Amino acid sequence: MPTSFHSHLSKMVDWIFVIQPRSVLDIGVGHGKWGFLAREYTDIFHNRYEREDWLVKIDGVEAFPRYETPVYRYAYDQVHFGDIKDVLPGLPNYDLVIIGDVIEHFPKEQGQALLQALRKKASFILISSPTRFFQQEILGNDFETHHSLWSWRDFQGYEFDYEEIDHALFVTLLRGDLPPVAEVTLTGKAASAIYALPWIKSRPKLAQIAKKFVGKLPGYQPARITPPLQQK
């Protein structure tokens, strides 16, 4: 859908704010909220309110042109219309790629192939997806079909952070192959161990507390916010 549940918004914005990317790619633009929020918590937050003062490049990819709204023209530098698998080879590298409620629309093998391709073009990949499988349909858009269900197990081969929210969604941050723009601690092994416990699945808030405790153990350092980009 061009919209999604709201419970994970703060966690997604937390990561955008911590990373302070200089370039962002939003895959599956939909209504345009991730580009809008990325613009607010990078350029706008640092008092670069006028478009001519913006320093952050924000691009999008949307497979269904009927979703286009005025947000596209305001918040994004460019929105490419088409299937991400076809568009991606022609795109530049990005500090942050956002895949908000999109990865479930790919069969698992294709989704993993997409993540591998994105890691070559990004410092970080920010993902949200439902924690239960369901189908949806809107405006006859075939791209809305759900093909897979994802969890922490699907990210074990990566350096990542994972958190489930309100029995509805999870948020994952994957480290890409490009040099990072921010020093970020990813507690993937700890998250895997916590969410692997059978009784934790019904207690997402307890899991979040446990993750914070593990994050304070020796060897883990808190994420550091990078200095704001300089004005032109």
Protein backbone atom coordinates (compact mmCIF):
# COMPACT_ATOMS: atom_id res chain seq x y z
CA MET A 1 0.00 0.00 0.00
CA PRO A 2 1.11 3.61 -0.42
CA THR A 3 0.83 3.86 3.38
CA SER A 4 1.63 1.53 6.31
CA PHE A 5 1.27 1.02 10.05
CA HIS A 6 2.62 3.85 12.20
CA SER A 7 4.17 2.07 15.20
CA HIS A 8 7.66 1.83 13.71
CA LEU A 9 7.95 5.46 12.62
CA SER A 10 9.98 6.63 15.61
CA LYS A 11 12.50 3.78 15.30
CA MET A 12 12.99 4.40 11.58
CA VAL A 13 13.43 8.13 12.18
CA ASP A 14 15.87 7.40 15.03
CA TRP A 15 18.17 5.62 12.58
CA ILE A 16 17.86 8.36 9.96
CA PHE A 17 18.75 10.95 12.60
CA VAL A 18 21.71 8.96 13.94
CA ILE A 19 23.18 8.24 10.52
CA GLN A 20 22.62 11.75 9.10
CA PRO A 21 23.01 10.51 5.52
CA ARG A 22 24.20 12.83 2.79
CA SER A 23 22.32 10.77 0.20
CA VAL A 24 19.19 8.62 0.53
CA LEU A 25 17.38 6.20 -1.77
CA ASP A 26 13.76 5.39 -0.86
CA ILE A 27 12.58 2.16 -2.51
CA GLY A 28 8.80 1.96 -2.82
CA VAL A 29 8.00 5.64 -2.33
CA GLY A 30 4.24 5.14 -1.96
CA HIS A 31 2.77 8.30 -0.45
CA GLY A 32 6.26 9.70 0.12
CA LYS A 33 6.60 9.71 3.90
CA TRP A 34 10.15 8.36 4.12
CA GLY A 35 11.50 10.98 1.76
CA PHE A 36 9.57 13.66 3.65
CA LEU A 37 10.83 12.48 7.05
CA ALA A 38 14.39 12.01 5.77
CA ARG A 39 14.34 15.58 4.47
CA GLU A 40 12.97 16.88 7.78
CA TYR A 41 15.53 15.15 10.00
CA THR A 42 18.53 15.96 7.84
CA ASP A 43 18.29 19.31 6.04
CA ILE A 44 15.29 20.88 7.78
CA PHE A 45 16.44 19.87 11.28
CA HIS A 46 19.75 21.64 10.67
CA ASN A 47 18.01 24.90 9.66
CA ARG A 48 18.47 24.38 5.93
CA TYR A 49 14.83 25.22 5.32
CA GLU A 50 15.03 26.67 1.81
CA ARG A 51 15.47 24.25 -1.09
CA GLU A 52 18.52 26.11 -2.37
CA ASP A 53 20.24 25.40 0.97
CA TRP A 54 19.56 21.65 0.99
CA LEU A 55 22.68 19.50 1.02
CA VAL A 56 21.16 16.00 1.16
CA LYS A 57 20.29 14.15 -2.04
CA ILE A 58 17.06 12.16 -1.68
CA ASP A 59 15.96 9.93 -4.56
CA GLY A 60 13.12 7.44 -4.79
CA VAL A 61 11.95 4.48 -6.83
CA GLU A 62 8.25 3.76 -7.27
CA ALA A 63 6.88 0.91 -9.38
CA PHE A 64 3.29 2.25 -9.51
CA PRO A 65 3.02 5.80 -10.95
CA ARG A 66 -0.58 6.25 -9.74
CA TYR A 67 0.77 6.64 -6.19
CA GLU A 68 2.48 9.93 -7.06
CA THR A 69 1.62 12.87 -4.77
CA PRO A 70 2.91 16.47 -4.45
CA VAL A 71 5.30 15.15 -1.79
CA TYR A 72 7.38 13.64 -4.60
CA ARG A 73 8.12 17.07 -6.06
CA TYR A 74 8.76 18.70 -2.70
CA ALA A 75 10.83 16.20 -0.70
CA TYR A 76 12.72 14.26 -3.39
CA ASP A 77 15.41 15.31 -5.82
CA GLN A 78 14.29 12.65 -8.27
CA VAL A 79 11.79 9.78 -8.29
CA HIS A 80 12.34 6.98 -10.80
CA PHE A 81 9.27 5.05 -11.91
CA GLY A 82 9.83 1.33 -12.51
CA ASP A 83 10.78 -1.97 -10.92
CA ILE A 84 13.78 -1.53 -8.60
CA LYS A 85 15.46 -4.56 -10.18
CA ASP A 86 15.50 -2.69 -13.51
CA VAL A 87 16.24 0.79 -12.13
CA LEU A 88 18.98 -0.04 -9.61
CA PRO A 89 21.90 -0.65 -12.04
CA GLY A 90 21.62 2.93 -13.30
CA LEU A 91 21.57 4.55 -9.87
CA PRO A 92 24.56 6.01 -7.98
CA ASN A 93 25.75 4.99 -4.52
CA TYR A 94 23.91 6.17 -1.38
CA ASP A 95 24.71 6.59 2.30
CA LEU A 96 21.31 5.16 3.24
CA VAL A 97 18.76 3.02 1.38
CA ILE A 98 15.27 2.80 2.92
CA ILE A 99 13.06 -0.21 2.16
CA GLY A 100 9.96 0.59 4.19
CA ASP A 101 7.37 -2.21 4.06
CA VAL A 102 8.59 -3.37 0.66
CA ILE A 103 10.83 -6.43 1.08
CA GLU A 104 7.81 -8.68 1.72
CA HIS A 105 6.63 -7.99 -1.84
CA PHE A 106 9.53 -10.07 -3.20
CA PRO A 107 9.93 -13.84 -3.07
CA LYS A 108 12.62 -14.57 -0.48
CA GLU A 109 15.31 -15.46 -3.03
CA GLN A 110 14.69 -12.26 -5.01
CA GLY A 111 14.62 -10.20 -1.82
CA GLN A 112 17.97 -11.57 -0.71
CA ALA A 113 19.42 -10.88 -4.16
CA LEU A 114 18.17 -7.30 -3.90
CA LEU A 115 19.82 -6.85 -0.51
CA GLN A 116 23.11 -8.16 -1.89
CA ALA A 117 22.92 -5.69 -4.79
CA LEU A 118 22.01 -2.81 -2.47
CA ARG A 119 24.90 -3.53 -0.11
CA LYS A 120 27.30 -2.83 -2.97
CA LYS A 121 25.73 0.62 -3.42
CA ALA A 122 25.08 1.68 0.19
CA SER A 123 26.63 2.30 3.59
CA PHE A 124 23.41 1.31 5.39
CA ILE A 125 20.09 -0.30 4.45
CA LEU A 126 17.07 0.45 6.65
CA ILE A 127 14.24 -2.09 6.42
CA SER A 128 10.79 -2.44 7.94
CA SER A 129 8.40 -5.32 7.31
CA PRO A 130 5.41 -7.04 8.96
CA THR A 131 5.98 -9.81 11.51
CA ARG A 132 3.00 -11.80 10.22
CA PHE A 133 1.98 -12.80 6.71
CA PHE A 134 -1.14 -11.31 5.13
CA GLN A 135 -2.32 -10.33 1.68
CA GLN A 136 -3.41 -6.95 0.42
CA GLU A 137 -4.68 -5.42 -2.80
CA ILE A 138 -5.19 -1.81 -3.85
CA LEU A 139 -5.90 -0.11 -7.18
CA GLY A 140 -5.16 -3.30 -9.09
CA ASN A 141 -1.44 -2.93 -8.33
CA ASP A 142 0.28 -6.31 -8.75
CA PHE A 143 3.33 -4.98 -6.92
CA GLU A 144 1.26 -4.97 -3.70
CA THR A 145 1.12 -8.78 -3.49
CA HIS A 146 2.97 -10.22 -0.49
CA HIS A 147 5.31 -13.07 -1.40
CA SER A 148 7.40 -13.63 1.75
CA LEU A 149 7.64 -13.25 5.52
CA TRP A 150 10.93 -12.00 7.00
CA SER A 151 12.49 -12.16 10.47
CA TRP A 152 15.87 -11.79 12.18
CA ARG A 153 16.86 -15.20 10.82
CA ASP A 154 17.03 -13.78 7.30
CA PHE A 155 19.76 -11.31 8.30
CA GLN A 156 22.14 -13.63 10.16
CA GLY A 157 24.71 -13.43 7.38
CA TYR A 158 24.92 -9.65 7.72
CA GLU A 159 26.05 -7.12 10.29
CA PHE A 160 22.71 -5.80 11.48
CA ASP A 161 20.42 -4.46 14.19
CA TYR A 162 16.89 -5.83 14.62
CA GLU A 163 13.89 -4.83 16.70
CA GLU A 164 10.24 -5.94 16.72
CA ILE A 165 7.57 -3.38 17.52
CA ASP A 166 4.00 -3.84 18.82
CA HIS A 167 3.48 -7.36 17.48
CA ALA A 168 3.19 -5.83 14.03
CA LEU A 169 6.50 -4.91 12.41
CA PHE A 170 10.24 -5.16 12.71
CA VAL A 171 12.93 -2.63 11.89
CA THR A 172 16.36 -3.77 10.72
CA LEU A 173 19.46 -1.76 9.89
CA LEU A 174 22.01 -3.59 7.73
CA ARG A 175 25.56 -2.42 7.19
CA GLY A 176 26.42 -2.13 3.50
CA ASP A 177 29.77 -2.50 1.76
CA LEU A 178 30.52 1.22 1.41
CA PRO A 179 32.34 3.20 4.14
CA PRO A 180 29.86 4.41 6.78
CA VAL A 181 29.05 8.08 7.29
CA ALA A 182 28.31 7.46 10.99
CA GLU A 183 29.74 5.26 13.73
CA VAL A 184 26.86 2.92 14.53
CA THR A 185 26.87 -0.13 16.80
CA LEU A 186 24.83 -2.99 15.36
CA THR A 187 23.89 -5.58 17.98
CA GLY A 188 22.86 -8.26 15.51
CA LYS A 189 24.19 -11.25 17.45
CA ALA A 190 22.56 -10.03 20.63
CA ALA A 191 19.28 -9.35 18.82
CA SER A 192 19.35 -12.81 17.27
CA ALA A 193 19.88 -14.45 20.63
CA ILE A 194 17.08 -12.46 22.26
CA TYR A 195 14.47 -12.92 19.55
CA ALA A 196 15.31 -16.61 19.24
CA LEU A 197 13.82 -17.20 22.70
CA PRO A 198 10.30 -18.66 22.16
CA TRP A 199 8.66 -16.64 24.92
CA ILE A 200 10.09 -13.31 23.76
CA LYS A 201 7.95 -13.22 20.60
CA SER A 202 4.87 -12.28 22.62
CA ARG A 203 6.79 -9.67 24.64
CA PRO A 204 8.35 -7.18 22.18
CA LYS A 205 8.79 -4.49 24.83
CA LEU A 206 10.70 -6.92 27.04
CA ALA A 207 12.88 -7.79 24.07
CA GLN A 208 13.67 -4.10 23.58
CA ILE A 209 14.70 -3.79 27.24
CA ALA A 210 16.89 -6.88 26.95
CA LYS A 211 18.55 -5.46 23.83
CA LYS A 212 19.35 -2.21 25.63
CA PHE A 213 20.89 -4.18 28.52
CA VAL A 214 23.04 -6.24 26.13
CA GLY A 215 24.06 -3.04 24.38
CA LYS A 216 25.65 -1.82 27.63
CA LEU A 217 27.88 -4.87 28.01
CA PRO A 218 31.64 -4.55 27.36
CA GLY A 219 32.43 -4.39 23.67
CA TYR A 220 29.38 -2.35 22.71
CA GLN A 221 29.49 1.41 22.23
CA PRO A 222 26.48 3.71 21.71
CA ALA A 223 25.86 5.12 18.26
CA ARG A 224 27.37 8.54 17.69
CA ILE A 225 25.61 11.27 15.76
CA THR A 226 27.82 12.78 13.08
CA PRO A 227 28.28 16.57 12.99
CA PRO A 228 25.77 18.40 10.77
CA LEU A 229 26.84 18.98 7.18
CA GLN A 230 28.28 22.44 6.66
CA GLN A 231 26.27 25.15 5.01
CA LYS A 232 27.10 25.99 1.41
